[in-house]
Protein backbone atom coordinates (compact mmCIF):
# COMPACT_ATOMS: atom_id res chain seq x y z
CA MET A 1 -0.62 -0.03 -0.52
CA LEU A 2 1.56 3.40 -0.93
CA PHE A 3 0.88 6.09 1.83
CA ARG A 4 0.95 9.73 0.45
CA ILE A 5 1.12 12.47 3.14
CA ASP A 6 0.12 16.31 2.99
CA THR A 7 2.43 18.05 4.86
CA THR A 8 0.45 21.71 4.14
CA SER A 9 -2.71 20.60 5.37
CA ASP A 10 -4.52 21.33 8.17
CA GLU A 11 -5.60 17.57 9.13
CA PRO A 12 -2.73 16.27 11.65
CA LEU A 13 -0.18 13.67 10.15
CA TYR A 14 -1.68 10.84 12.29
CA VAL A 15 -5.34 11.25 11.13
CA GLN A 16 -3.95 11.46 6.91
CA LEU A 17 -2.20 8.05 7.77
CA ALA A 18 -5.59 6.39 9.76
CA ALA A 19 -7.75 7.57 6.98
CA GLN A 20 -5.78 5.75 4.33
CA VAL A 21 -6.12 2.61 5.95
CA ARG A 22 -9.85 3.08 6.73
CA THR A 23 -10.22 3.46 3.30
CA ALA A 24 -8.52 0.83 2.01
CA VAL A 25 -10.00 -1.51 4.02
CA ALA A 26 -13.45 -0.10 3.19
CA HIS A 27 -12.70 -0.68 -0.71
CA GLY A 28 -11.34 -3.92 0.25
CA ASP A 29 -7.41 -2.47 -1.41
CA LEU A 30 -6.47 -4.07 2.51
CA GLN A 31 -7.63 -7.74 3.50
CA ALA A 32 -8.09 -9.17 6.91
CA GLY A 33 -4.65 -10.94 7.80
CA GLU A 34 -2.52 -8.32 5.48
CA ARG A 35 0.49 -6.94 6.86
CA LEU A 36 1.11 -2.97 7.37
CA PRO A 37 4.28 -1.93 7.10
CA SER A 38 5.97 -1.32 10.40
CA ALA A 39 5.80 1.84 11.77
CA ARG A 40 9.81 2.23 11.77
CA GLU A 41 9.81 1.02 7.93
CA LEU A 42 6.76 3.75 7.63
CA ALA A 43 8.59 6.55 9.58
CA ALA A 44 11.41 6.55 7.53
CA SER A 45 9.44 5.84 3.94
CA LEU A 46 7.64 8.62 4.40
CA GLU A 47 10.48 10.67 6.85
CA MET A 48 8.40 11.26 9.64
CA ASN A 49 8.24 10.92 13.56
CA LEU A 50 7.81 6.92 14.47
CA HIS A 51 5.41 8.36 17.43
CA THR A 52 3.45 10.14 14.81
CA VAL A 53 3.25 6.39 12.88
CA LEU A 54 2.31 5.07 16.27
CA HIS A 55 -0.16 7.06 17.11
CA ALA A 56 -2.39 6.60 13.94
CA TYR A 57 -1.67 2.74 14.63
CA GLN A 58 -3.26 2.98 17.87
CA GLU A 59 -5.95 5.05 16.65
CA LEU A 60 -6.40 1.74 14.08
CA ARG A 61 -6.49 -0.48 17.06
CA ASP A 62 -8.08 1.10 18.96
CA GLU A 63 -11.15 1.23 16.31
CA GLY A 64 -10.77 -2.29 15.80
CA LEU A 65 -9.37 -2.46 12.02
CA ILE A 66 -5.82 -3.41 13.04
CA GLU A 67 -4.45 -5.74 15.28
CA LEU A 68 -0.84 -5.08 16.41
CA ARG A 69 1.79 -7.69 17.85
CA ARG A 70 5.19 -7.36 19.10
CA GLY A 71 7.55 -9.16 16.69
CA ARG A 72 4.32 -9.20 13.90
CA GLY A 73 3.49 -5.37 13.36
CA ALA A 74 0.20 -4.41 12.22
CA VAL A 75 -2.58 -6.72 10.85
CA VAL A 76 -6.03 -5.98 9.68
CA THR A 77 -8.33 -8.10 11.55
CA ALA A 78 -10.61 -10.39 9.88
CA ASP A 79 -13.52 -8.26 10.91
CA THR A 80 -13.48 -5.26 9.14
CA ALA A 81 -14.67 -5.52 5.44
CA PRO A 82 -18.60 -4.38 5.75
CA ASP A 83 -20.59 -4.20 2.94
CA LEU A 84 -20.27 -0.56 1.72
CA ALA A 85 -22.08 -0.93 -1.98
CA GLU A 86 -24.80 0.87 -0.78
CA LEU A 87 -22.69 3.92 0.60
CA SER A 88 -20.52 3.49 -2.12
CA THR A 89 -23.75 4.58 -4.54
CA ALA A 90 -25.05 7.05 -2.07
CA VAL A 91 -21.39 9.09 -2.21
CA ASP A 92 -21.06 8.55 -5.87
CA ALA A 93 -24.48 10.89 -6.00
CA LEU A 94 -23.43 13.42 -3.21
CA VAL A 95 -20.00 13.76 -5.12
CA ALA A 96 -22.95 13.95 -8.57
CA THR A 97 -24.50 16.87 -6.55
CA ALA A 98 -21.88 18.79 -5.70
CA ARG A 99 -20.01 19.02 -9.10
CA ARG A 100 -23.35 19.94 -10.62
CA LEU A 101 -23.55 22.65 -7.87
CA ARG A 102 -20.48 23.58 -7.81
CA VAL A 103 -20.14 23.30 -4.36
CA ALA A 104 -15.73 23.19 -3.52
CA PRO A 105 -14.36 19.69 -2.11
CA GLU A 106 -14.32 21.20 1.27
CA THR A 107 -17.33 22.55 1.94
CA VAL A 108 -18.46 19.46 0.92
CA THR A 109 -16.61 17.44 3.50
CA ALA A 110 -17.66 20.39 5.92
CA LEU A 111 -21.13 19.32 5.51
CA VAL A 112 -20.48 15.35 5.62
CA LYS A 113 -18.49 15.80 8.69
CA GLU A 114 -20.72 17.92 10.68
CA ALA A 115 -23.54 15.53 9.55
CA LEU A 116 -21.58 12.57 11.19
CA ARG A 117 -21.20 14.14 14.78
């Protein structure tokens, strides 16, 4: 899996990392039992602090998306892949509507985040 970090974003780096793993699991790009890079490897490849990666991994562990095993690293758990077909259809419709109305992506994101609270 390729991680991309936007250092100019206001969103904390650990939040960006965790979101990418969540998205990959939701889309089926990461399957149950798959290993994520070690925190050290990922921190080195992204040129970031090890504790930032560990923070993201701990958040994902607390959500039940991954297991952290000493010596084995981070592993995607077996029960993480809900069927998201209906949600994916709704998101596609939301994106189409936002584009038709020429609403900025940041506004759409803010509205969705607010609705999820």
